[in-house]
């Protein structure tokens, strides 16, 4: 029987970068095959070649024994390959059925969409792969795990036999991860072949039949989960042991760095997205915020930064009310920010690194010329960027390259360095290690721990529950816009925290 996929000698070059260097990948039909590697190892490039997003410079690709080349994702989809993206590609205002058929609408004579046929086909797919979903539900009303199920059904609806899962657990709580893994095993049992991209090595070991490790653009090992540990995989990936997010004893001061008093944010329909939230973070303390995405964390961060208007309540920075201040003024007064999406919110991808290092701090020295705030000090900017490069191990040939040329981990280290060297009094860190490898993760954790020891007040928002538990002095849980629990990290597990995040823990308490 031919393998589902055979990639042989795949090489891909970009200006100044060899992204894939003679990569080989063999995926047996009907298996779950994990592909691991640090940021910049070549995983994304390899998957883009397989999915038709870009051509290889050298090498061959076979699907079920037949050589293929794809000029576009549509050609890959027609050949039976589908990609389940980490960031859901769904229209919230449409129903499940409308989302599933979008771009692949069955039509009647005359060109009208045949919703009856589409609904019947969706039901067929759901039954065949054990994925139940109500086709009439609005996507905006679904939980995160249910939205991911819609993404899976969407690619199956188009006839995919090979599914690429790109960081699928990044936004899921443990209970939702378990559900996803049940779905993946059901897909496998029904003949699907799955490529699983993930940085969480314990999850890789749990779900994969085979694991291929890439390092610096090359295939370094293909192993079976029973033959390796998470530490073994980490060493194969980055040459070091698996890091852990652990804190030393708390040295929190009495001074409150950030406080929110009864803050409420309303949506366009006058419904509270952030509902009467009060919290405080002391200098030298890390306060973690846990919550399934869509429960008000993003809007809460916006209220603190000034990008989201506050309908009632007060935000204070080092004791001063900043509720009416502009974003710029808050930043100048000592508010640091690591955004949840480095490429959308944190960087100008086509700009050089020295310009990116100034973002958010361009009116302050050494990036500006003192009182002439609107004039960039190019010498000072470059000097500061070189400092960030050295102190935060940003791996780049020089600071003139664009941010787009850096791997995800190095982009993240640039952003973390940019915020830390400005010496903020309060840091809002939103998903600071999302989508980065274990090496870069360890670096970011180390910088956050060190800043805490120096008296920085940090508000940490993360979907990585091990990260929240390991780094936080205290954790609050947001559910439907409200803070519903405050927990001691030393007394909880990720599963317990997940139960609070989904509301299950509160339901159990009410039923007792």
Protein backbone atom coordinates (compact mmCIF):
# COMPACT_ATOMS: atom_id res chain seq x y z
CA UNK A 1 0.00 0.00 0.00
CA UNK A 2 1.49 3.42 -0.93
CA UNK A 3 1.99 6.02 1.79
CA UNK A 4 -0.45 8.91 1.98
CA UNK A 5 2.41 11.43 1.67
CA UNK A 6 6.04 11.20 0.65
CA UNK A 7 8.07 14.38 0.54
CA UNK A 8 11.58 13.73 -0.76
CA UNK A 9 14.48 16.17 -0.73
CA UNK A 10 12.26 19.25 -0.30
CA UNK A 11 14.35 22.41 -0.44
CA UNK A 12 13.06 25.97 -0.25
CA UNK A 13 15.19 29.12 -0.31
CA UNK A 14 14.28 32.69 0.51
CA UNK A 15 16.68 35.67 0.28
CA UNK A 16 19.35 34.96 2.89
CA UNK A 17 17.46 31.99 4.37
CA UNK A 18 17.44 28.26 3.61
CA UNK A 19 13.99 27.41 5.05
CA UNK A 20 13.90 23.73 4.03
CA UNK A 21 17.12 21.86 3.40
CA UNK A 22 16.58 18.47 1.74
CA UNK A 23 13.63 17.61 4.01
CA UNK A 24 12.13 14.12 3.89
CA UNK A 25 8.72 13.30 5.37
CA UNK A 26 6.81 10.04 5.01
CA UNK A 27 3.25 9.83 6.38
CA UNK A 28 1.48 6.47 6.31
CA UNK A 29 -2.17 6.35 5.29
CA UNK A 30 -4.53 6.46 8.27
CA UNK A 31 -2.01 7.64 10.87
CA UNK A 32 -1.65 10.74 13.03
CA UNK A 33 1.80 12.09 12.24
CA UNK A 34 3.18 14.94 14.35
CA UNK A 35 5.73 17.41 12.98
CA UNK A 36 7.74 19.23 15.67
CA UNK A 37 10.47 21.83 15.60
CA UNK A 38 11.39 25.22 16.97
CA UNK A 39 10.25 28.41 15.23
CA UNK A 40 12.30 28.77 12.07
CA UNK A 41 12.82 24.99 11.79
CA UNK A 42 10.88 24.90 8.53
CA UNK A 43 7.54 23.38 9.61
CA UNK A 44 5.35 26.16 8.25
CA UNK A 45 7.26 26.35 4.97
CA UNK A 46 6.95 22.58 4.49
CA UNK A 47 3.20 22.65 5.16
CA UNK A 48 2.74 25.61 2.79
CA UNK A 49 4.46 23.59 0.05
CA UNK A 50 2.24 20.59 0.76
CA UNK A 51 -0.87 22.80 0.76
CA UNK A 52 0.01 24.58 -2.49
CA UNK A 53 0.69 27.99 -0.94
CA UNK A 54 4.23 28.11 -2.35
CA UNK A 55 6.36 25.90 -4.62
CA UNK A 56 9.46 23.95 -3.59
CA UNK A 57 12.74 24.86 -5.26
CA UNK A 58 13.85 21.24 -5.24
CA UNK A 59 12.41 17.84 -4.34
CA UNK A 60 9.31 15.81 -5.11
CA UNK A 61 5.92 15.23 -3.50
CA UNK A 62 3.82 12.08 -3.81
CA UNK A 63 0.24 11.54 -2.68
CA UNK A 64 -0.80 7.90 -2.45
CA UNK A 65 2.07 6.96 -4.76
CA UNK A 66 1.34 9.57 -7.42
CA UNK A 67 3.68 12.52 -7.95
CA UNK A 68 1.99 15.90 -7.50
CA UNK A 69 2.73 19.62 -7.63
CA UNK A 70 0.22 22.22 -6.54
CA UNK A 71 0.08 25.79 -7.84
CA UNK A 72 -2.56 26.86 -5.30
CA UNK A 73 -4.45 25.67 -2.20
CA UNK A 74 -7.46 24.99 -4.43
CA UNK A 75 -5.44 22.36 -6.28
CA UNK A 76 -4.40 20.81 -2.96
CA UNK A 77 -8.03 20.80 -1.79
CA UNK A 78 -9.11 19.13 -5.04
CA UNK A 79 -6.45 16.47 -4.39
CA UNK A 80 -7.92 15.76 -0.93
CA UNK A 81 -5.78 17.91 1.39
CA UNK A 82 -7.40 20.23 3.94
CA UNK A 83 -5.92 22.57 6.56
CA UNK A 84 -7.48 23.30 9.95
CA UNK A 85 -6.01 26.67 10.90
CA UNK A 86 -5.02 27.76 14.41
CA UNK A 87 -6.91 31.04 13.95
CA UNK A 88 -10.41 30.06 12.88
CA UNK A 89 -11.37 31.13 9.36
CA UNK A 90 -15.06 31.55 10.16
CA UNK A 91 -17.64 34.31 9.68
CA UNK A 92 -19.27 34.80 13.09
CA UNK A 93 -22.48 36.29 11.68
CA UNK A 94 -23.21 33.27 9.48
CA UNK A 95 -24.65 29.89 10.44
CA UNK A 96 -22.62 26.70 10.65
CA UNK A 97 -24.02 25.55 7.30
CA UNK A 98 -23.26 28.87 5.60
CA UNK A 99 -19.69 28.77 6.90
CA UNK A 100 -19.13 25.17 5.84
CA UNK A 101 -20.26 25.71 2.25
CA UNK A 102 -18.68 29.16 1.80
CA UNK A 103 -16.66 28.98 -1.40
CA UNK A 104 -17.92 25.48 -2.22
CA UNK A 105 -21.65 26.11 -2.55
CA UNK A 106 -23.68 23.40 -4.34
CA UNK A 107 -26.04 25.07 -6.81
CA UNK A 108 -29.32 24.36 -8.55
CA UNK A 109 -29.94 25.06 -12.22
CA UNK A 110 -29.93 28.84 -12.55
CA UNK A 111 -27.12 29.28 -10.05
CA UNK A 112 -29.11 29.38 -6.78
CA UNK A 113 -27.49 27.73 -3.77
CA UNK A 114 -28.97 24.29 -3.07
CA UNK A 115 -29.22 24.48 0.73
CA UNK A 116 -31.14 21.20 0.92
CA UNK A 117 -28.32 19.28 -0.78
CA UNK A 118 -25.71 21.15 1.26
CA UNK A 119 -27.48 20.36 4.53
CA UNK A 120 -27.82 16.68 3.59
CA UNK A 121 -24.12 16.48 2.66
CA UNK A 122 -23.08 18.19 5.89
CA UNK A 123 -25.17 15.69 7.89
CA UNK A 124 -23.54 12.83 5.95
CA UNK A 125 -20.07 14.11 6.75
CA UNK A 126 -20.94 14.58 10.42
CA UNK A 127 -22.23 11.04 10.75
CA UNK A 128 -19.36 9.49 8.78
CA UNK A 129 -16.72 11.06 11.02
CA UNK A 130 -18.61 11.25 14.31
CA UNK A 131 -18.73 15.06 14.35
CA UNK A 132 -22.12 16.31 15.48
CA UNK A 133 -23.08 19.94 14.96
CA UNK A 134 -26.32 21.89 14.51
CA UNK A 135 -26.10 23.39 11.03
CA UNK A 136 -28.52 26.21 11.90
CA UNK A 137 -26.51 27.60 14.83
CA UNK A 138 -24.83 30.98 14.45
CA UNK A 139 -21.06 30.61 14.76
CA UNK A 140 -20.84 33.58 17.14
CA UNK A 141 -22.93 31.60 19.65
CA UNK A 142 -20.61 28.57 19.65
CA UNK A 143 -17.94 27.73 22.20
CA UNK A 144 -14.30 27.61 21.06
CA UNK A 145 -14.23 23.81 20.84
CA UNK A 146 -17.41 23.80 18.76
CA UNK A 147 -15.96 26.37 16.35
CA UNK A 148 -12.96 24.16 15.85
CA UNK A 149 -15.29 21.26 15.04
CA UNK A 150 -16.88 23.45 12.35
CA UNK A 151 -13.41 24.09 10.89
CA UNK A 152 -12.81 20.33 10.72
CA UNK A 153 -16.19 19.67 9.10
CA UNK A 154 -15.50 22.45 6.60
CA UNK A 155 -12.43 20.67 5.18
CA UNK A 156 -14.15 17.26 5.28
CA UNK A 157 -17.11 18.73 3.39
CA UNK A 158 -14.69 19.52 0.56
CA UNK A 159 -13.54 15.89 0.44
CA UNK A 160 -10.30 16.07 2.42
CA UNK A 161 -8.66 12.71 3.19
CA UNK A 162 -5.46 14.31 4.50
CA UNK A 163 -5.91 16.94 7.24
CA UNK A 164 -3.21 19.34 8.44
CA UNK A 165 -3.88 20.58 11.99
CA UNK A 166 -1.88 23.76 12.65
CA UNK A 167 -1.43 24.34 16.42
CA UNK A 168 -5.02 23.18 17.06
CA UNK A 169 -4.86 23.19 20.88
CA UNK A 170 -3.50 26.72 21.33
CA UNK A 171 -6.82 28.18 22.53
CA UNK A 172 -8.39 25.10 24.13
CA UNK A 173 -8.80 24.16 27.80
CA UNK A 174 -7.88 20.57 28.80
CA UNK A 175 -11.46 19.32 28.46
CA UNK A 176 -11.66 20.72 24.92
CA UNK A 177 -8.28 19.19 24.06
CA UNK A 178 -9.64 15.81 25.13
CA UNK A 179 -12.66 16.34 22.88
CA UNK A 180 -10.42 17.34 19.96
CA UNK A 181 -8.28 14.24 20.44
CA UNK A 182 -11.42 12.08 20.49
CA UNK A 183 -12.43 13.71 17.19
CA UNK A 184 -8.97 13.11 15.72
CA UNK A 185 -9.02 9.44 16.71
CA UNK A 186 -12.50 9.12 15.19
CA UNK A 187 -11.23 10.70 11.98
CA UNK A 188 -8.32 8.26 11.94
CA UNK A 189 -10.65 5.30 12.56
CA UNK A 190 -12.67 6.40 9.54
CA UNK A 191 -9.64 6.46 7.24
CA UNK A 192 -8.38 10.03 7.50
CA UNK A 193 -4.66 10.82 7.59
CA UNK A 194 -3.65 13.63 9.94
CA UNK A 195 -0.56 15.83 10.15
CA UNK A 196 -0.42 17.45 13.58
CA UNK A 197 1.72 20.58 14.19
CA UNK A 198 2.15 21.42 17.87
CA UNK A 199 4.61 22.91 20.36
CA UNK A 200 3.10 21.14 23.39
CA UNK A 201 5.24 18.04 23.48
CA UNK A 202 3.17 16.14 26.06
CA UNK A 203 0.18 16.46 23.71
CA UNK A 204 2.27 15.27 20.76
CA UNK A 205 3.27 12.17 22.71
CA UNK A 206 -0.35 11.49 23.64
CA UNK A 207 -1.94 11.72 20.20
CA UNK A 208 0.71 10.92 17.57
CA UNK A 209 1.45 7.54 15.99
CA UNK A 210 4.71 8.87 14.54
CA UNK A 211 6.73 12.04 15.18
CA UNK A 212 9.10 13.81 12.79
CA UNK A 213 11.41 16.47 14.22
CA UNK A 214 12.80 19.32 12.11
CA UNK A 215 15.74 21.45 13.14
CA UNK A 216 17.27 24.34 11.21
CA UNK A 217 15.35 23.32 8.09
CA UNK A 218 16.39 19.67 8.15
CA UNK A 219 14.81 16.38 9.18
CA UNK A 220 16.74 15.24 12.27
CA UNK A 221 14.63 12.30 13.46
CA UNK A 222 11.47 10.28 12.93
CA UNK A 223 10.47 8.44 16.11
CA UNK A 224 7.62 6.57 17.79
CA UNK A 225 6.07 8.14 20.94
CA UNK A 226 6.79 5.04 23.02
CA UNK A 227 10.51 5.44 22.35
CA UNK A 228 10.96 9.05 23.52
CA UNK A 229 10.04 11.47 26.31
CA UNK A 230 9.10 15.15 26.11
CA UNK A 231 12.65 16.00 27.20
CA UNK A 232 14.05 13.80 24.41
CA UNK A 233 11.93 15.69 21.85
CA UNK A 234 12.97 19.06 23.28
CA UNK A 235 16.63 18.10 22.96
CA UNK A 236 16.09 16.98 19.37
CA UNK A 237 14.35 20.29 18.60
CA UNK A 238 16.55 22.83 20.35
CA UNK A 239 19.38 20.96 22.05
CA UNK A 240 18.15 21.59 25.59
CA UNK A 241 15.77 20.09 28.13
CA UNK A 242 12.09 20.97 28.28
CA UNK A 243 11.70 24.26 30.22
CA UNK A 244 9.16 24.73 33.00
CA UNK A 245 7.41 27.98 33.96
CA UNK A 246 8.30 28.13 37.67
CA UNK A 247 8.49 31.06 40.07
CA UNK A 248 10.68 31.64 43.08
CA UNK A 249 9.17 32.87 46.35
CA UNK A 250 7.00 35.96 46.00
CA UNK A 251 8.58 39.34 46.67
CA UNK A 252 5.45 41.39 46.01
CA UNK A 253 5.45 44.90 47.45
CA UNK A 254 2.56 46.75 49.06
CA UNK A 255 2.50 49.27 46.21
CA UNK A 256 -0.32 48.58 43.72
CA UNK A 257 0.88 48.94 40.14
CA UNK A 258 -2.42 48.38 38.33
CA UNK A 259 -5.95 48.48 39.65
CA UNK A 260 -9.40 48.25 38.10
CA UNK A 261 -12.48 49.29 40.06
CA UNK A 262 -15.90 48.10 38.82
CA UNK A 263 -14.91 48.39 35.15
CA UNK A 264 -17.70 47.72 32.65
CA UNK A 265 -17.42 47.64 28.87
CA UNK A 266 -20.55 47.37 26.73
CA UNK A 267 -20.84 45.96 23.22
CA UNK A 268 -22.71 47.63 20.35
CA UNK A 269 -25.98 46.10 21.60
CA UNK A 270 -25.42 47.56 25.08
CA UNK A 271 -24.60 44.18 26.59
CA UNK A 272 -21.69 43.95 29.08
CA UNK A 273 -18.60 42.25 27.61
CA UNK A 274 -16.62 43.21 30.72
CA UNK A 275 -19.03 43.18 33.62
CA UNK A 276 -18.16 45.13 36.79
CA UNK A 277 -14.58 43.83 37.03
CA UNK A 278 -12.35 44.83 39.95
CA UNK A 279 -8.78 43.60 40.42
CA UNK A 280 -5.35 44.80 41.50
CA UNK A 281 -1.76 43.82 40.72
CA UNK A 282 1.00 44.75 43.16
CA UNK A 283 4.53 45.61 42.13
CA UNK A 284 6.59 42.42 42.08
CA UNK A 285 3.48 40.29 41.47
CA UNK A 286 2.16 38.35 38.48
CA UNK A 287 -1.63 38.10 38.34
CA UNK A 288 -2.86 35.55 35.82
CA UNK A 289 -6.18 35.81 33.99
CA UNK A 290 -7.71 32.55 32.81
CA UNK A 291 -10.71 32.24 30.53
CA UNK A 292 -11.91 30.60 27.36
CA UNK A 293 -11.43 33.05 24.49
CA UNK A 294 -14.42 35.33 24.02
CA UNK A 295 -15.18 35.82 27.72
CA UNK A 296 -14.05 39.44 27.90
CA UNK A 297 -10.27 39.14 28.32
CA UNK A 298 -9.51 40.90 25.03
CA UNK A 299 -11.85 43.80 25.87
CA UNK A 300 -10.42 44.00 29.40
CA UNK A 301 -6.93 44.42 27.95
CA UNK A 302 -8.30 47.12 25.62
CA UNK A 303 -9.82 48.96 28.58
CA UNK A 304 -6.44 48.97 30.34
CA UNK A 305 -4.52 50.10 27.24
CA UNK A 306 -7.08 52.70 26.18
CA UNK A 307 -8.01 51.06 22.87
CA UNK A 308 -11.44 50.14 24.28
CA UNK A 309 -13.73 52.75 25.78
CA UNK A 310 -14.83 52.11 29.38
CA UNK A 311 -18.53 52.66 30.01
CA UNK A 312 -18.16 52.80 33.79
CA UNK A 313 -15.51 52.22 36.43
CA UNK A 314 -11.91 53.29 36.82
CA UNK A 315 -8.47 52.12 35.66
CA UNK A 316 -5.49 53.28 37.75
CA UNK A 317 -1.75 53.05 37.02
CA UNK A 318 0.55 53.44 40.04
CA UNK A 319 -2.33 55.05 41.91
CA UNK A 320 -3.23 57.58 39.19
CA UNK A 321 -6.57 57.39 37.38
CA UNK A 322 -5.77 56.86 33.68
CA UNK A 323 -9.33 56.11 32.50
CA UNK A 324 -9.48 59.21 30.30
CA UNK A 325 -5.88 59.10 29.07
CA UNK A 326 -4.89 58.30 25.48
CA UNK A 327 -3.02 55.12 24.59
CA UNK A 328 0.12 57.18 24.01
CA UNK A 329 -0.11 58.87 27.41
CA UNK A 330 -0.61 55.54 29.20
CA UNK A 331 2.43 54.10 27.44
CA UNK A 332 4.53 57.17 28.30
CA UNK A 333 3.42 56.82 31.94
CA UNK A 334 4.89 53.32 32.21
CA UNK A 335 2.38 50.82 30.77
CA UNK A 336 4.09 48.04 28.82
CA UNK A 337 2.24 45.69 26.47
CA UNK A 338 2.99 42.34 24.84
CA UNK A 339 0.11 41.82 22.35
CA UNK A 340 -1.62 38.51 21.77
CA UNK A 341 -0.96 38.59 18.01
CA UNK A 342 2.60 39.70 17.31
CA UNK A 343 2.10 40.07 13.58
CA UNK A 344 -1.24 41.89 13.63
CA UNK A 345 -0.72 44.10 16.69
CA UNK A 346 2.95 44.06 17.57
CA UNK A 347 5.00 44.55 14.43
CA UNK A 348 5.27 46.31 11.09
CA UNK A 349 6.34 43.26 9.14
CA UNK A 350 7.85 45.11 6.19
CA UNK A 351 9.75 47.62 8.35
CA UNK A 352 13.32 47.05 9.60
CA UNK A 353 13.92 45.80 13.13
CA UNK A 354 15.18 49.15 14.41
CA UNK A 355 11.88 50.79 13.46
CA UNK A 356 9.90 47.96 15.06
CA UNK A 357 11.94 48.35 18.26
CA UNK A 358 10.61 51.91 18.56
CA UNK A 359 6.90 51.05 18.24
CA UNK A 360 4.98 52.34 21.25
CA UNK A 361 8.06 54.18 22.51
CA UNK A 362 8.80 56.44 19.58
CA UNK A 363 8.17 59.63 21.57
CA UNK A 364 10.70 58.76 24.28
CA UNK A 365 14.48 58.63 24.38
CA UNK A 366 16.54 57.05 22.89
CA UNK A 367 14.09 56.71 19.99
CA UNK A 368 13.16 60.39 19.78
CA UNK A 369 15.23 63.56 20.03
CA UNK A 370 14.12 64.75 23.45
CA UNK A 371 11.70 67.67 23.26
CA UNK A 372 11.47 67.22 19.49
CA UNK A 373 9.29 64.14 20.01
CA UNK A 374 8.22 63.75 16.44
CA UNK A 375 11.77 63.41 15.13
CA UNK A 376 13.17 59.87 15.25
CA UNK A 377 16.72 59.58 16.55
CA UNK A 378 18.04 57.00 14.09
CA UNK A 379 21.35 56.58 15.88
CA UNK A 380 19.66 56.13 19.26
CA UNK A 381 17.06 53.75 17.75
CA UNK A 382 19.72 51.55 16.20
CA UNK A 383 21.79 51.51 19.39
CA UNK A 384 18.76 50.48 21.45
CA UNK A 385 17.82 47.80 18.93
CA UNK A 386 21.32 46.36 19.08
CA UNK A 387 20.97 46.24 22.85
CA UNK A 388 17.67 44.34 22.54
CA UNK A 389 19.21 42.01 20.00
CA UNK A 390 22.07 41.14 22.33
CA UNK A 391 20.28 41.02 25.70
CA UNK A 392 17.22 39.14 24.45
CA UNK A 393 18.98 36.81 22.00
CA UNK A 394 17.10 37.99 18.90
CA UNK A 395 18.71 35.92 16.18
CA UNK A 396 19.07 38.00 13.04
CA UNK A 397 21.90 38.75 10.60
CA UNK A 398 21.45 42.49 11.29
CA UNK A 399 18.88 45.03 12.48
CA UNK A 400 18.20 46.32 8.97
CA UNK A 401 16.25 43.19 7.95
CA UNK A 402 12.45 43.36 8.03
CA UNK A 403 10.51 41.86 10.92
CA UNK A 404 8.96 39.46 8.43
CA UNK A 405 12.37 37.79 7.98
CA UNK A 406 12.48 36.65 11.62
CA UNK A 407 11.05 33.39 12.92
CA UNK A 408 8.03 33.66 15.21
CA UNK A 409 10.15 33.08 18.31
CA UNK A 410 12.59 35.83 17.40
CA UNK A 411 9.75 38.22 16.58
CA UNK A 412 8.37 37.53 20.05
CA UNK A 413 11.75 38.07 21.73
CA UNK A 414 12.06 41.41 19.92
CA UNK A 415 8.67 42.51 21.27
CA UNK A 416 9.45 41.32 24.81
CA UNK A 417 12.82 43.07 24.69
CA UNK A 418 11.24 46.26 23.34
CA UNK A 419 8.86 46.41 26.31
CA UNK A 420 11.33 45.37 29.01
CA UNK A 421 14.16 47.76 28.12
CA UNK A 422 11.69 50.65 28.39
CA UNK A 423 11.43 49.75 32.11
CA UNK A 424 7.63 49.87 32.50
CA UNK A 425 6.05 49.96 35.94
CA UNK A 426 3.21 47.68 34.76
CA UNK A 427 3.25 45.05 32.02
CA UNK A 428 0.20 43.58 30.31
CA UNK A 429 1.38 40.30 28.75
CA UNK A 430 -1.28 38.79 26.50
CA UNK A 431 -0.44 35.22 25.40
CA UNK A 432 3.30 36.01 25.52
CA UNK A 433 4.46 32.56 24.33
CA UNK A 434 1.66 31.58 21.94
CA UNK A 435 2.97 29.78 18.86
CA UNK A 436 6.66 29.81 19.83
CA UNK A 437 9.00 26.89 20.44
CA UNK A 438 10.34 25.62 23.75
CA UNK A 439 13.62 27.52 23.41
CA UNK A 440 11.99 30.91 22.84
CA UNK A 441 9.38 30.04 25.46
CA UNK A 442 12.06 29.51 28.09
CA UNK A 443 13.62 32.86 27.17
CA UNK A 444 10.32 34.76 27.53
CA UNK A 445 9.50 33.06 30.83
CA UNK A 446 12.95 33.94 32.15
CA UNK A 447 12.51 37.61 31.25
CA UNK A 448 9.08 37.78 32.92
CA UNK A 449 10.43 36.11 36.08
CA UNK A 450 13.43 38.44 36.21
CA UNK A 451 11.21 41.53 35.75
CA UNK A 452 8.98 40.32 38.59
CA UNK A 453 11.99 40.02 40.87
CA UNK A 454 12.86 43.64 40.00
CA UNK A 455 9.40 44.85 41.09
CA UNK A 456 7.39 44.84 37.85
CA UNK A 457 3.62 44.41 38.21
CA UNK A 458 2.47 41.98 35.50
CA UNK A 459 -1.00 41.07 34.29
CA UNK A 460 -0.65 37.75 32.43
CA UNK A 461 -3.37 36.56 30.05
CA UNK A 462 -2.73 33.11 28.61
CA UNK A 463 -4.48 30.07 27.15
CA UNK A 464 -1.52 27.91 28.21
CA UNK A 465 -2.73 26.69 31.59
CA UNK A 466 0.65 25.27 32.62
CA UNK A 467 2.10 28.71 31.92
CA UNK A 468 -0.57 30.44 34.00
CA UNK A 469 -0.17 28.06 36.92
CA UNK A 470 3.64 28.09 36.75
CA UNK A 471 4.16 31.85 36.42
CA UNK A 472 1.31 33.43 38.39
CA UNK A 473 1.27 34.39 42.06
CA UNK A 474 -2.51 34.36 41.85
CA UNK A 475 -5.07 33.55 39.15
CA UNK A 476 -8.51 35.03 38.49
CA UNK A 477 -10.99 33.37 36.13
CA UNK A 478 -13.14 35.35 33.68
CA UNK A 479 -16.41 33.79 32.57
CA UNK A 480 -19.00 35.70 30.53
CA UNK A 481 -17.29 38.99 31.28
CA UNK A 482 -17.13 38.56 35.05
CA UNK A 483 -14.46 37.44 37.48
CA UNK A 484 -15.96 34.26 38.93
CA UNK A 485 -13.06 32.87 40.94
CA UNK A 486 -9.68 33.74 42.45
CA UNK A 487 -7.38 30.72 42.81
CA UNK A 488 -4.05 29.82 44.35
CA UNK A 489 -1.84 28.32 41.59
CA UNK A 490 -0.15 25.99 44.08
CA UNK A 491 -3.47 24.30 44.81
CA UNK A 492 -4.90 23.68 41.32
CA UNK A 493 -4.23 21.60 38.21
CA UNK A 494 -4.83 22.56 34.56
CA UNK A 495 -7.93 20.35 34.55
CA UNK A 496 -9.36 22.07 37.64
CA UNK A 497 -8.64 25.46 36.12
CA UNK A 498 -10.30 24.36 32.88
CA UNK A 499 -13.45 23.44 34.82
CA UNK A 500 -13.66 26.97 36.21
CA UNK A 501 -13.04 28.46 32.76
CA UNK A 502 -15.92 26.55 31.16
CA UNK A 503 -18.30 27.17 34.06
CA UNK A 504 -18.42 23.49 35.03
CA UNK A 505 -16.92 24.10 38.49
CA UNK A 506 -19.56 26.73 39.30
CA UNK A 507 -22.36 24.42 38.11
CA UNK A 508 -21.05 21.64 40.35
CA UNK A 509 -20.94 24.03 43.33
CA UNK A 510 -24.52 25.17 42.67
CA UNK A 511 -25.78 21.58 42.46
CA UNK A 512 -24.20 20.52 45.76
